[in-house]
Amino acid sequence: MERKNRAVFLDRDGTINVEKGYVHRIEDFELIPGVPEALTLLREKGYLLIVVTNQSGVARGYYPMEAVQRLHRHMDEELARFGAAVDAYYICPHHPEGGVDEYKRVCECRKPMAGMLMDAAREFSINLASSYMIGDKPTDVEAGLNAGCRSLYVTTGHGTDASAAVQPDVPRFRNLLEAARAIVSEEEKRRSE
């Protein structure tokens, strides 16, 4: 089966919304400026927008999976106010040291593993080599590279940490809008060659 769709995979906390540590309450959710514009730009260029988020707070017992789903419904409503949207959410609730037995395990979906991206690629017929992963942590970048995508750092959230030097060849951008514009610019350059 030929996979034709292209996607931009997006970390959530620190990339789409302000990093506040285990964000799961609606009152703690705050979009980073420029995010709706970035998502709209990427969608206009034909990219599927897939959020891939580690939510170890579920495994740790900090909040239930329902809180994550409720927050994502709120995020959809916030984005819709700006005419923006994402296509799907993939959530890893696992952690090997979690306190909730149902979620306490080593898995293939927790970034830097590529499980969430691979699942989305199967379900949405995504060509990973033509897709991107954007995140604010080395684990996000590594997940994208492990899946065969091109990866980009944003320096919102954890992106300013010294640990970001783990992948020195990965392009860095100040925010999601800057990264989205770079993707579009790269695409236009390729088409004109």
N, C-alpha and C. Protein backbone atom coordinates (compact mmCIF):
# COMPACT_ATOMS: atom_id res chain seq x y z
N MET A 1 0.84 -1.19 0.00
CA MET A 1 0.00 0.00 0.00
C MET A 1 0.88 1.24 0.00
N GLU A 2 0.68 2.12 -0.96
CA GLU A 2 1.45 3.35 -1.03
C GLU A 2 0.87 4.38 -0.05
N ARG A 3 1.74 4.93 0.75
CA ARG A 3 1.31 5.93 1.72
C ARG A 3 1.53 7.31 1.13
N LYS A 4 0.45 8.05 0.99
CA LYS A 4 0.51 9.31 0.28
C LYS A 4 0.41 10.54 1.16
N ASN A 5 -0.17 10.42 2.32
CA ASN A 5 -0.38 11.59 3.16
C ASN A 5 0.91 12.03 3.84
N ARG A 6 1.02 13.33 4.04
CA ARG A 6 2.13 13.90 4.80
C ARG A 6 1.56 14.43 6.10
N ALA A 7 2.37 14.39 7.13
CA ALA A 7 1.90 14.87 8.44
C ALA A 7 2.97 15.70 9.11
N VAL A 8 2.51 16.54 10.01
CA VAL A 8 3.40 17.17 10.98
C VAL A 8 2.94 16.63 12.32
N PHE A 9 3.82 15.89 12.96
CA PHE A 9 3.57 15.36 14.30
C PHE A 9 4.01 16.43 15.29
N LEU A 10 3.19 16.65 16.31
CA LEU A 10 3.42 17.74 17.25
C LEU A 10 3.41 17.25 18.68
N ASP A 11 4.46 17.57 19.40
CA ASP A 11 4.40 17.41 20.85
C ASP A 11 3.36 18.40 21.36
N ARG A 12 2.83 18.18 22.55
CA ARG A 12 1.81 19.08 23.08
C ARG A 12 2.41 20.10 24.04
N ASP A 13 2.72 19.68 25.27
CA ASP A 13 3.18 20.60 26.31
C ASP A 13 4.54 21.19 25.96
N GLY A 14 4.61 22.50 25.89
CA GLY A 14 5.85 23.18 25.56
C GLY A 14 6.01 23.44 24.07
N THR A 15 5.13 22.87 23.26
CA THR A 15 5.17 23.08 21.81
C THR A 15 3.89 23.78 21.35
N ILE A 16 2.74 23.26 21.79
CA ILE A 16 1.45 23.85 21.47
C ILE A 16 0.96 24.75 22.60
N ASN A 17 1.07 24.25 23.82
CA ASN A 17 0.63 25.01 24.99
C ASN A 17 1.81 25.27 25.92
N VAL A 18 1.66 26.26 26.75
CA VAL A 18 2.71 26.65 27.69
C VAL A 18 3.00 25.50 28.63
N GLU A 19 4.28 25.19 28.80
CA GLU A 19 4.72 24.11 29.69
C GLU A 19 4.54 24.57 31.13
N LYS A 20 3.70 23.83 31.86
CA LYS A 20 3.45 24.15 33.27
C LYS A 20 3.59 22.91 34.14
N GLY A 21 4.10 21.83 33.58
CA GLY A 21 4.28 20.61 34.34
C GLY A 21 2.99 19.83 34.54
N TYR A 22 2.87 18.70 33.86
CA TYR A 22 1.70 17.81 33.97
C TYR A 22 0.38 18.56 33.76
N VAL A 23 0.29 19.29 32.68
CA VAL A 23 -0.93 20.04 32.37
C VAL A 23 -2.07 19.06 32.11
N HIS A 24 -3.10 19.16 32.94
CA HIS A 24 -4.28 18.31 32.74
C HIS A 24 -5.58 19.03 33.11
N ARG A 25 -5.46 20.19 33.75
CA ARG A 25 -6.65 20.96 34.11
C ARG A 25 -6.87 22.07 33.08
N ILE A 26 -8.11 22.27 32.70
CA ILE A 26 -8.44 23.26 31.69
C ILE A 26 -7.93 24.64 32.09
N GLU A 27 -8.02 24.97 33.37
CA GLU A 27 -7.57 26.31 33.80
C GLU A 27 -6.07 26.51 33.68
N ASP A 28 -5.31 25.43 33.50
CA ASP A 28 -3.86 25.54 33.33
C ASP A 28 -3.44 25.56 31.86
N PHE A 29 -4.40 25.35 30.97
CA PHE A 29 -4.08 25.27 29.54
C PHE A 29 -3.98 26.67 28.95
N GLU A 30 -2.86 26.94 28.27
CA GLU A 30 -2.64 28.24 27.64
C GLU A 30 -1.89 28.02 26.33
N LEU A 31 -2.53 28.38 25.22
CA LEU A 31 -1.88 28.24 23.92
C LEU A 31 -0.67 29.17 23.83
N ILE A 32 0.39 28.69 23.23
CA ILE A 32 1.55 29.53 22.96
C ILE A 32 1.18 30.44 21.79
N PRO A 33 1.51 31.73 21.87
CA PRO A 33 1.18 32.65 20.77
C PRO A 33 1.70 32.14 19.42
N GLY A 34 0.87 32.29 18.40
CA GLY A 34 1.24 31.88 17.04
C GLY A 34 0.86 30.46 16.69
N VAL A 35 0.47 29.64 17.67
CA VAL A 35 0.15 28.24 17.39
C VAL A 35 -1.02 28.09 16.43
N PRO A 36 -2.15 28.78 16.63
CA PRO A 36 -3.25 28.60 15.68
C PRO A 36 -2.84 28.97 14.25
N GLU A 37 -2.08 30.04 14.10
CA GLU A 37 -1.61 30.46 12.78
C GLU A 37 -0.71 29.40 12.16
N ALA A 38 0.18 28.82 12.98
CA ALA A 38 1.08 27.76 12.50
C ALA A 38 0.29 26.55 12.01
N LEU A 39 -0.69 26.13 12.79
CA LEU A 39 -1.49 24.96 12.43
C LEU A 39 -2.28 25.22 11.15
N THR A 40 -2.84 26.41 11.03
CA THR A 40 -3.60 26.77 9.83
C THR A 40 -2.70 26.76 8.60
N LEU A 41 -1.51 27.32 8.73
CA LEU A 41 -0.56 27.35 7.62
C LEU A 41 -0.20 25.93 7.16
N LEU A 42 0.10 25.06 8.11
CA LEU A 42 0.46 23.69 7.76
C LEU A 42 -0.70 22.93 7.13
N ARG A 43 -1.89 23.14 7.65
CA ARG A 43 -3.08 22.47 7.10
C ARG A 43 -3.33 22.94 5.67
N GLU A 44 -3.16 24.25 5.43
CA GLU A 44 -3.36 24.79 4.08
C GLU A 44 -2.39 24.18 3.08
N LYS A 45 -1.23 23.75 3.56
CA LYS A 45 -0.23 23.13 2.69
C LYS A 45 -0.44 21.62 2.58
N GLY A 46 -1.51 21.11 3.15
CA GLY A 46 -1.88 19.72 2.96
C GLY A 46 -1.34 18.74 3.99
N TYR A 47 -0.78 19.24 5.08
CA TYR A 47 -0.27 18.34 6.11
C TYR A 47 -1.37 17.94 7.08
N LEU A 48 -1.41 16.65 7.44
CA LEU A 48 -2.21 16.23 8.57
C LEU A 48 -1.50 16.70 9.83
N LEU A 49 -2.25 17.05 10.85
CA LEU A 49 -1.68 17.54 12.10
C LEU A 49 -2.01 16.55 13.20
N ILE A 50 -0.98 15.87 13.70
CA ILE A 50 -1.15 14.79 14.66
C ILE A 50 -0.39 15.12 15.94
N VAL A 51 -1.11 15.22 17.05
CA VAL A 51 -0.48 15.45 18.34
C VAL A 51 -0.05 14.11 18.92
N VAL A 52 1.22 14.03 19.34
CA VAL A 52 1.74 12.82 19.98
C VAL A 52 2.31 13.25 21.33
N THR A 53 1.69 12.79 22.41
CA THR A 53 2.03 13.32 23.73
C THR A 53 2.24 12.22 24.76
N ASN A 54 3.38 12.30 25.44
CA ASN A 54 3.62 11.45 26.61
C ASN A 54 2.82 12.05 27.77
N GLN A 55 2.05 11.22 28.44
CA GLN A 55 1.26 11.67 29.59
C GLN A 55 1.51 10.72 30.76
N SER A 56 2.74 10.73 31.25
CA SER A 56 3.11 9.82 32.34
C SER A 56 2.38 10.16 33.63
N GLY A 57 1.78 11.34 33.71
CA GLY A 57 0.99 11.69 34.88
C GLY A 57 -0.15 10.71 35.12
N VAL A 58 -0.63 10.08 34.03
CA VAL A 58 -1.68 9.06 34.16
C VAL A 58 -1.10 7.85 34.89
N ALA A 59 0.05 7.35 34.44
CA ALA A 59 0.68 6.19 35.07
C ALA A 59 1.10 6.50 36.51
N ARG A 60 1.49 7.73 36.75
CA ARG A 60 1.95 8.13 38.08
C ARG A 60 0.79 8.37 39.06
N GLY A 61 -0.44 8.36 38.52
CA GLY A 61 -1.62 8.56 39.36
C GLY A 61 -1.93 10.01 39.65
N TYR A 62 -1.34 10.94 38.91
CA TYR A 62 -1.59 12.37 39.14
C TYR A 62 -2.96 12.78 38.62
N TYR A 63 -3.42 12.11 37.56
CA TYR A 63 -4.72 12.42 36.97
C TYR A 63 -5.14 11.24 36.10
N PRO A 64 -6.45 11.08 35.87
CA PRO A 64 -6.92 9.95 35.06
C PRO A 64 -6.86 10.27 33.56
N MET A 65 -6.94 9.24 32.75
CA MET A 65 -6.95 9.41 31.29
C MET A 65 -8.09 10.32 30.84
N GLU A 66 -9.20 10.29 31.57
CA GLU A 66 -10.34 11.14 31.21
C GLU A 66 -9.97 12.62 31.27
N ALA A 67 -9.07 12.99 32.18
CA ALA A 67 -8.64 14.39 32.28
C ALA A 67 -7.86 14.80 31.03
N VAL A 68 -7.07 13.90 30.50
CA VAL A 68 -6.32 14.18 29.27
C VAL A 68 -7.30 14.37 28.11
N GLN A 69 -8.26 13.49 28.01
CA GLN A 69 -9.25 13.59 26.93
C GLN A 69 -10.09 14.85 27.05
N ARG A 70 -10.44 15.22 28.28
CA ARG A 70 -11.20 16.45 28.51
C ARG A 70 -10.38 17.67 28.08
N LEU A 71 -9.09 17.66 28.42
CA LEU A 71 -8.22 18.77 28.03
C LEU A 71 -8.11 18.87 26.51
N HIS A 72 -8.05 17.74 25.84
CA HIS A 72 -7.95 17.76 24.38
C HIS A 72 -9.24 18.28 23.74
N ARG A 73 -10.38 17.99 24.33
CA ARG A 73 -11.63 18.58 23.83
C ARG A 73 -11.60 20.09 24.00
N HIS A 74 -11.09 20.55 25.14
CA HIS A 74 -10.95 21.98 25.38
C HIS A 74 -9.98 22.61 24.37
N MET A 75 -8.88 21.92 24.12
CA MET A 75 -7.90 22.42 23.14
C MET A 75 -8.54 22.55 21.76
N ASP A 76 -9.33 21.57 21.37
CA ASP A 76 -10.05 21.63 20.10
C ASP A 76 -10.94 22.87 20.05
N GLU A 77 -11.64 23.15 21.14
CA GLU A 77 -12.53 24.32 21.19
C GLU A 77 -11.73 25.62 21.09
N GLU A 78 -10.60 25.68 21.79
CA GLU A 78 -9.74 26.87 21.74
C GLU A 78 -9.22 27.10 20.33
N LEU A 79 -8.73 26.05 19.70
CA LEU A 79 -8.20 26.17 18.35
C LEU A 79 -9.29 26.57 17.36
N ALA A 80 -10.49 26.00 17.53
CA ALA A 80 -11.61 26.30 16.62
C ALA A 80 -11.96 27.79 16.65
N ARG A 81 -11.75 28.44 17.77
CA ARG A 81 -12.02 29.89 17.86
C ARG A 81 -11.15 30.67 16.88
N PHE A 82 -10.02 30.10 16.51
CA PHE A 82 -9.09 30.74 15.57
C PHE A 82 -9.18 30.11 14.18
N GLY A 83 -10.12 29.19 13.99
CA GLY A 83 -10.24 28.51 12.70
C GLY A 83 -9.18 27.44 12.49
N ALA A 84 -8.56 26.97 13.56
CA ALA A 84 -7.50 25.96 13.48
C ALA A 84 -7.99 24.64 14.07
N ALA A 85 -7.28 23.56 13.74
CA ALA A 85 -7.66 22.24 14.26
C ALA A 85 -6.51 21.27 14.11
N VAL A 86 -6.56 20.20 14.89
CA VAL A 86 -5.65 19.07 14.69
C VAL A 86 -6.50 17.88 14.23
N ASP A 87 -5.85 16.93 13.60
CA ASP A 87 -6.58 15.78 13.05
C ASP A 87 -6.73 14.64 14.04
N ALA A 88 -5.76 14.47 14.92
CA ALA A 88 -5.82 13.34 15.85
C ALA A 88 -4.86 13.55 17.01
N TYR A 89 -5.17 12.86 18.10
CA TYR A 89 -4.31 12.84 19.28
C TYR A 89 -3.88 11.40 19.54
N TYR A 90 -2.60 11.21 19.77
CA TYR A 90 -2.08 9.92 20.21
C TYR A 90 -1.43 10.16 21.57
N ILE A 91 -1.83 9.35 22.53
CA ILE A 91 -1.44 9.57 23.92
C ILE A 91 -0.71 8.33 24.44
N CYS A 92 0.44 8.54 25.07
CA CYS A 92 1.10 7.45 25.80
C CYS A 92 0.91 7.71 27.29
N PRO A 93 0.09 6.91 27.97
CA PRO A 93 -0.14 7.11 29.40
C PRO A 93 0.81 6.28 30.27
N HIS A 94 1.77 5.61 29.65
CA HIS A 94 2.61 4.64 30.37
C HIS A 94 3.85 5.25 30.99
N HIS A 95 4.35 4.57 32.01
CA HIS A 95 5.66 4.87 32.58
C HIS A 95 6.11 3.64 33.36
N PRO A 96 7.37 3.22 33.19
CA PRO A 96 7.81 1.99 33.86
C PRO A 96 7.81 2.08 35.38
N GLU A 97 7.82 3.29 35.92
CA GLU A 97 7.83 3.46 37.38
C GLU A 97 6.51 4.03 37.90
N GLY A 98 5.47 3.95 37.09
CA GLY A 98 4.18 4.49 37.49
C GLY A 98 3.57 3.74 38.66
N GLY A 99 2.64 4.40 39.32
CA GLY A 99 1.98 3.79 40.46
C GLY A 99 0.64 3.15 40.12
N VAL A 100 0.15 3.37 38.90
CA VAL A 100 -1.13 2.81 38.47
C VAL A 100 -0.81 1.56 37.64
N ASP A 101 -1.13 0.40 38.19
CA ASP A 101 -0.73 -0.87 37.57
C ASP A 101 -1.10 -0.98 36.10
N GLU A 102 -2.27 -0.51 35.75
CA GLU A 102 -2.75 -0.61 34.37
C GLU A 102 -1.80 0.06 33.38
N TYR A 103 -1.08 1.09 33.84
CA TYR A 103 -0.21 1.87 32.95
C TYR A 103 1.27 1.74 33.28
N LYS A 104 1.60 0.93 34.28
CA LYS A 104 3.00 0.78 34.69
C LYS A 104 3.68 -0.26 33.83
N ARG A 105 4.42 0.22 32.82
CA ARG A 105 5.13 -0.71 31.94
C ARG A 105 6.05 0.03 30.98
N VAL A 106 6.98 -0.72 30.44
CA VAL A 106 7.79 -0.26 29.33
C VAL A 106 6.95 -0.50 28.08
N CYS A 107 6.89 0.48 27.21
CA CYS A 107 6.02 0.37 26.04
C CYS A 107 6.78 0.81 24.79
N GLU A 108 6.13 0.69 23.66
CA GLU A 108 6.70 1.13 22.39
C GLU A 108 6.18 2.51 21.99
N CYS A 109 5.26 3.07 22.78
CA CYS A 109 4.67 4.34 22.39
C CYS A 109 5.30 5.55 23.08
N ARG A 110 5.93 5.35 24.21
CA ARG A 110 6.51 6.48 24.94
C ARG A 110 7.71 7.05 24.19
N LYS A 111 7.61 8.34 23.83
CA LYS A 111 8.74 8.98 23.17
C LYS A 111 9.96 8.90 24.09
N PRO A 112 11.12 8.55 23.59
CA PRO A 112 11.60 8.64 22.21
C PRO A 112 11.27 7.46 21.30
N MET A 113 10.55 6.46 21.79
CA MET A 113 10.12 5.38 20.90
C MET A 113 9.15 5.98 19.87
N ALA A 114 9.02 5.32 18.75
CA ALA A 114 8.24 5.88 17.65
C ALA A 114 6.83 5.29 17.53
N GLY A 115 6.38 4.57 18.55
CA GLY A 115 5.11 3.86 18.45
C GLY A 115 3.90 4.70 18.08
N MET A 116 3.77 5.88 18.68
CA MET A 116 2.61 6.72 18.37
C MET A 116 2.65 7.18 16.92
N LEU A 117 3.82 7.54 16.44
CA LEU A 117 3.96 7.99 15.05
C LEU A 117 3.70 6.85 14.09
N MET A 118 4.19 5.66 14.42
CA MET A 118 3.97 4.50 13.56
C MET A 118 2.49 4.12 13.50
N ASP A 119 1.81 4.18 14.65
CA ASP A 119 0.37 3.90 14.68
C ASP A 119 -0.38 4.89 13.79
N ALA A 120 -0.05 6.18 13.93
CA ALA A 120 -0.71 7.20 13.11
C ALA A 120 -0.42 6.98 11.63
N ALA A 121 0.82 6.60 11.31
CA ALA A 121 1.18 6.37 9.90
C ALA A 121 0.33 5.25 9.30
N ARG A 122 0.09 4.21 10.07
CA ARG A 122 -0.76 3.11 9.58
C ARG A 122 -2.21 3.57 9.43
N GLU A 123 -2.71 4.25 10.43
CA GLU A 123 -4.14 4.63 10.44
C GLU A 123 -4.47 5.71 9.43
N PHE A 124 -3.52 6.60 9.14
CA PHE A 124 -3.78 7.72 8.24
C PHE A 124 -3.03 7.61 6.92
N SER A 125 -2.41 6.47 6.66
CA SER A 125 -1.65 6.26 5.43
C SER A 125 -0.64 7.38 5.19
N ILE A 126 0.23 7.57 6.19
CA ILE A 126 1.20 8.67 6.18
C ILE A 126 2.55 8.18 5.68
N ASN A 127 3.13 8.93 4.77
CA ASN A 127 4.49 8.71 4.32
C ASN A 127 5.41 9.40 5.32
N LEU A 128 6.06 8.64 6.17
CA LEU A 128 6.88 9.22 7.24
C LEU A 128 8.09 9.98 6.70
N ALA A 129 8.65 9.55 5.59
CA ALA A 129 9.81 10.23 5.02
C ALA A 129 9.47 11.63 4.51
N SER A 130 8.18 11.88 4.26
CA SER A 130 7.74 13.21 3.81
C SER A 130 7.10 14.00 4.94
N SER A 131 7.30 13.53 6.17
CA SER A 131 6.64 14.13 7.33
C SER A 131 7.65 14.72 8.30
N TYR A 132 7.14 15.46 9.27
CA TYR A 132 7.97 16.16 10.25
C TYR A 132 7.48 15.86 11.66
N MET A 133 8.40 15.96 12.61
CA MET A 133 8.08 15.91 14.04
C MET A 133 8.62 17.20 14.65
N ILE A 134 7.78 17.90 15.41
CA ILE A 134 8.20 19.13 16.07
C ILE A 134 7.97 18.98 17.57
N GLY A 135 9.01 19.28 18.35
CA GLY A 135 8.88 19.21 19.79
C GLY A 135 9.92 20.05 20.50
N ASP A 136 9.78 20.12 21.80
CA ASP A 136 10.66 20.97 22.62
C ASP A 136 11.65 20.16 23.47
N LYS A 137 11.69 18.84 23.27
CA LYS A 137 12.59 18.00 24.06
C LYS A 137 13.34 17.04 23.15
N PRO A 138 14.51 16.60 23.57
CA PRO A 138 15.25 15.61 22.78
C PRO A 138 14.43 14.35 22.51
N THR A 139 13.59 13.94 23.45
CA THR A 139 12.79 12.73 23.22
C THR A 139 11.82 12.91 22.06
N ASP A 140 11.30 14.13 21.88
CA ASP A 140 10.41 14.41 20.74
C ASP A 140 11.17 14.26 19.43
N VAL A 141 12.33 14.90 19.39
CA VAL A 141 13.17 14.86 18.19
C VAL A 141 13.57 13.43 17.87
N GLU A 142 13.98 12.69 18.89
CA GLU A 142 14.41 11.31 18.68
C GLU A 142 13.25 10.44 18.19
N ALA A 143 12.05 10.67 18.70
CA ALA A 143 10.89 9.91 18.23
C ALA A 143 10.68 10.13 16.74
N GLY A 144 10.77 11.38 16.31
CA GLY A 144 10.63 11.67 14.89
C GLY A 144 11.71 11.00 14.06
N LEU A 145 12.95 11.11 14.50
CA LEU A 145 14.05 10.48 13.77
C LEU A 145 13.90 8.96 13.75
N ASN A 146 13.47 8.38 14.88
CA ASN A 146 13.26 6.93 14.95
C ASN A 146 12.16 6.46 14.00
N ALA A 147 11.20 7.35 13.71
CA ALA A 147 10.11 7.00 12.80
C ALA A 147 10.47 7.27 11.34
N GLY A 148 11.60 7.94 11.11
CA GLY A 148 11.99 8.26 9.74
C GLY A 148 11.53 9.61 9.26
N CYS A 149 11.09 10.47 10.19
CA CYS A 149 10.67 11.83 9.86
C CYS A 149 11.84 12.79 9.96
N ARG A 150 11.64 13.98 9.45
CA ARG A 150 12.56 15.07 9.73
C ARG A 150 12.08 15.72 11.02
N SER A 151 13.01 16.01 11.93
CA SER A 151 12.63 16.55 13.23
C SER A 151 13.12 17.97 13.41
N LEU A 152 12.33 18.76 14.15
CA LEU A 152 12.66 20.15 14.44
C LEU A 152 12.45 20.40 15.93
N TYR A 153 13.34 21.21 16.51
CA TYR A 153 13.18 21.67 17.89
C TYR A 153 12.49 23.02 17.89
N VAL A 154 11.68 23.25 18.91
CA VAL A 154 11.24 24.61 19.22
C VAL A 154 11.77 24.94 20.61
N THR A 155 12.13 26.19 20.81
CA THR A 155 12.75 26.57 22.08
C THR A 155 11.74 27.10 23.09
N THR A 156 10.47 26.87 22.82
CA THR A 156 9.46 27.09 23.85
C THR A 156 9.52 25.88 24.78
N GLY A 157 8.92 25.94 25.93
CA GLY A 157 8.93 24.78 26.82
C GLY A 157 10.33 24.41 27.27
N HIS A 158 10.69 23.14 27.09
CA HIS A 158 11.99 22.63 27.52
C HIS A 158 13.08 22.84 26.47
N GLY A 159 12.73 23.43 25.34
CA GLY A 159 13.65 23.54 24.22
C GLY A 159 14.88 24.36 24.47
N THR A 160 14.90 25.14 25.55
CA THR A 160 16.10 25.91 25.86
C THR A 160 17.05 25.16 26.78
N ASP A 161 16.65 23.98 27.23
CA ASP A 161 17.51 23.18 28.11
C ASP A 161 18.82 22.81 27.43
N ALA A 162 19.86 22.69 28.21
CA ALA A 162 21.15 22.26 27.68
C ALA A 162 21.06 20.89 27.03
N SER A 163 20.11 20.06 27.47
CA SER A 163 19.96 18.72 26.90
C SER A 163 19.59 18.75 25.42
N ALA A 164 19.12 19.90 24.94
CA ALA A 164 18.76 20.02 23.53
C ALA A 164 19.98 19.83 22.63
N ALA A 165 21.17 19.92 23.19
CA ALA A 165 22.39 19.74 22.40
C ALA A 165 22.61 18.29 22.00
N VAL A 166 21.74 17.39 22.47
CA VAL A 166 21.86 15.97 22.13
C VAL A 166 21.85 15.77 20.61
N GLN A 167 21.09 16.55 19.90
CA GLN A 167 20.99 16.45 18.44
C GLN A 167 21.42 17.78 17.82
N PRO A 168 22.71 18.03 17.71
CA PRO A 168 23.18 19.34 17.24
C PRO A 168 22.80 19.67 15.80
N ASP A 169 22.52 18.66 14.96
CA ASP A 169 22.20 18.93 13.56
C ASP A 169 20.71 19.21 13.32
N VAL A 170 19.90 19.09 14.36
CA VAL A 170 18.46 19.30 14.21
C VAL A 170 18.17 20.81 14.26
N PRO A 171 17.45 21.34 13.27
CA PRO A 171 17.16 22.78 13.26
C PRO A 171 16.34 23.21 14.48
N ARG A 172 16.65 24.40 14.98
CA ARG A 172 15.95 24.97 16.14
C ARG A 172 15.20 26.23 15.73
N PHE A 173 14.01 26.39 16.31
CA PHE A 173 13.19 27.56 16.02
C PHE A 173 12.63 28.11 17.31
N ARG A 174 12.33 29.40 17.31
CA ARG A 174 11.85 30.05 18.54
C ARG A 174 10.47 29.58 18.94
N ASN A 175 9.66 29.15 17.98
CA ASN A 175 8.29 28.73 18.29
C ASN A 175 7.73 27.92 17.13
N LEU A 176 6.52 27.44 17.31
CA LEU A 176 5.89 26.58 16.30
C LEU A 176 5.64 27.33 15.00
N LEU A 177 5.27 28.60 15.08
CA LEU A 177 5.01 29.36 13.86
C LEU A 177 6.28 29.48 13.01
N GLU A 178 7.40 29.75 13.65
CA GLU A 178 8.67 29.84 12.93
C GLU A 178 9.01 28.49 12.28
N ALA A 179 8.78 27.40 13.00
CA ALA A 179 9.05 26.07 12.46
C ALA A 179 8.11 25.77 11.29
N ALA A 180 6.86 26.13 11.40
CA ALA A 180 5.89 25.90 10.32
C ALA A 180 6.29 26.67 9.07
N ARG A 181 6.71 27.90 9.25
CA ARG A 181 7.14 28.70 8.09
C ARG A 181 8.36 28.07 7.43
N ALA A 182 9.27 27.50 8.23
CA ALA A 182 10.46 26.84 7.67
C ALA A 182 10.06 25.61 6.86
N ILE A 183 9.09 24.85 7.34
CA ILE A 183 8.61 23.67 6.61
C ILE A 183 8.03 24.09 5.26
N VAL A 184 7.19 25.12 5.28
CA VAL A 184 6.55 25.60 4.06
C VAL A 184 7.60 26.13 3.09
N SER A 185 8.58 26.85 3.61
CA SER A 185 9.65 27.39 2.77
C SER A 185 10.46 26.26 2.13
N GLU A 186 10.76 25.24 2.91
CA GLU A 186 11.50 24.08 2.39
C GLU A 186 10.71 23.38 1.30
N GLU A 187 9.41 23.23 1.51
CA GLU A 187 8.55 22.59 0.52
C GLU A 187 8.53 23.40 -0.77
N GLU A 188 8.38 24.71 -0.66
CA GLU A 188 8.34 25.56 -1.86
C GLU A 188 9.67 25.53 -2.60
N LYS A 189 10.76 25.46 -1.87
CA LYS A 189 12.09 25.39 -2.49
C LYS A 189 12.24 24.08 -3.26
N ARG A 190 11.80 22.97 -2.65
CA ARG A 190 11.89 21.67 -3.33
C ARG A 190 11.06 21.66 -4.61
N ARG A 191 9.90 22.26 -4.57
CA ARG A 191 9.02 22.25 -5.74
C ARG A 191 9.58 23.10 -6.88
N SER A 192 10.34 24.11 -6.54
CA SER A 192 10.87 25.00 -7.57
C SER A 192 12.17 24.45 -8.19
N GLU A 193 12.75 23.42 -7.59
CA GLU A 193 14.01 22.87 -8.12
C GLU A 193 13.78 21.99 -9.33
